[in-house]
Amino acid sequence: MAGVNSIDAVKRKIKVLQQQADEAEERAQVLQRQVEEEKTCREQAEAEVASLNRRIQLVEEELDRAQERLATALQKLEEAEKAADESER
């Protein structure tokens, strides 16, 4: 009888270990899916940051051009004011 009991105990232990292995495999699959989702989210965020950085660069370049046009316009206005003052004299 002792041999039968020990065989039954081993069978129960094997069953418990198999259940634990199955549960661990399920958890591993869930975690792997979460890792993939996080990776996708990170890649999307990185792409958005790159896009925003490019937009910032373009806006800064446009600002530089606008400032140059403003400086040119102010210089022309000053020259026109001087010419108007001289023609009034």
Protein backbone atom coordinates (compact mmCIF):
# COMPACT_ATOMS: atom_id res chain seq x y z
CA MET A 1 0.00 0.00 0.00
CA ALA A 2 2.88 2.36 0.69
CA GLY A 3 3.99 2.06 -2.93
CA VAL A 4 0.51 2.96 -4.19
CA ASN A 5 0.31 5.96 -1.87
CA SER A 6 3.69 7.24 -2.98
CA ILE A 7 2.72 6.76 -6.65
CA ASP A 8 -0.50 8.70 -6.00
CA ALA A 9 1.46 11.42 -4.23
CA VAL A 10 3.86 11.67 -7.15
CA LYS A 11 0.92 11.83 -9.58
CA ARG A 12 -0.69 14.61 -7.51
CA LYS A 13 2.62 16.49 -7.38
CA ILE A 14 3.02 16.12 -11.15
CA LYS A 15 -0.53 17.43 -11.65
CA VAL A 16 0.12 20.42 -9.35
CA LEU A 17 3.41 21.16 -11.13
CA GLN A 18 1.71 20.91 -14.52
CA GLN A 19 -0.99 23.35 -13.39
CA GLN A 20 1.67 25.74 -12.11
CA ALA A 21 3.56 25.45 -15.39
CA ASP A 22 0.37 26.14 -17.36
CA GLU A 23 -0.40 29.18 -15.20
CA ALA A 24 3.15 30.45 -15.58
CA GLU A 25 2.90 30.03 -19.36
CA GLU A 26 -0.36 31.98 -19.42
CA ARG A 27 1.18 34.76 -17.33
CA ALA A 28 4.20 34.83 -19.64
CA GLN A 29 1.93 35.17 -22.67
CA VAL A 30 -0.03 38.01 -21.04
CA LEU A 31 3.20 39.78 -20.11
CA GLN A 32 4.58 39.30 -23.61
CA ARG A 33 1.45 40.90 -25.08
CA GLN A 34 1.81 43.79 -22.64
CA VAL A 35 5.45 44.23 -23.64
CA GLU A 36 4.47 44.34 -27.32
CA GLU A 37 1.72 46.87 -26.59
CA GLU A 38 4.12 49.05 -24.61
CA LYS A 39 6.69 48.80 -27.39
CA THR A 40 4.10 49.89 -29.95
CA CYS A 41 3.01 52.80 -27.75
CA ARG A 42 6.63 53.86 -27.24
CA GLU A 43 7.34 53.73 -30.97
CA GLN A 44 4.23 55.81 -31.69
CA ALA A 45 5.26 58.34 -29.04
CA GLU A 46 8.77 58.53 -30.47
CA ALA A 47 7.37 59.11 -33.95
CA GLU A 48 5.10 61.84 -32.61
CA VAL A 49 8.03 63.50 -30.83
CA ALA A 50 10.06 63.40 -34.05
CA SER A 51 7.15 64.93 -35.95
CA LEU A 52 6.71 67.67 -33.35
CA ASN A 53 10.44 68.41 -33.38
CA ARG A 54 10.29 68.82 -37.15
CA ARG A 55 7.29 71.15 -36.82
CA ILE A 56 9.17 73.20 -34.22
CA GLN A 57 12.14 73.44 -36.56
CA LEU A 58 9.92 74.60 -39.42
CA VAL A 59 8.19 77.20 -37.22
CA GLU A 60 11.56 78.47 -35.99
CA GLU A 61 12.77 78.79 -39.59
CA GLU A 62 9.58 80.66 -40.52
CA LEU A 63 10.09 82.94 -37.50
CA ASP A 64 13.63 83.70 -38.65
CA ARG A 65 12.38 84.58 -42.13
CA ALA A 66 9.61 86.76 -40.69
CA GLN A 67 12.09 88.60 -38.47
CA GLU A 68 14.34 89.20 -41.47
CA ARG A 69 11.40 90.57 -43.46
CA LEU A 70 10.43 92.79 -40.52
CA ALA A 71 13.96 94.14 -40.22
CA THR A 72 14.02 94.86 -43.96
CA ALA A 73 10.63 96.56 -43.81
CA LEU A 74 11.67 98.69 -40.82
CA GLN A 75 14.85 99.72 -42.59
CA LYS A 76 12.88 100.71 -45.70
CA LEU A 77 10.40 102.62 -43.54
CA GLU A 78 13.21 104.49 -41.84
CA GLU A 79 14.73 105.33 -45.23
CA ALA A 80 11.34 106.50 -46.50
CA GLU A 81 10.84 108.69 -43.42
CA LYS A 82 14.26 110.25 -43.93
CA ALA A 83 13.49 110.87 -47.59
CA ALA A 84 10.13 112.42 -46.66
CA ASP A 85 11.79 114.65 -44.06
CA GLU A 86 14.41 115.79 -46.56
CA SER A 87 11.83 116.52 -49.23
CA GLU A 88 9.85 118.69 -46.77
CA ARG A 89 12.85 120.92 -46.17
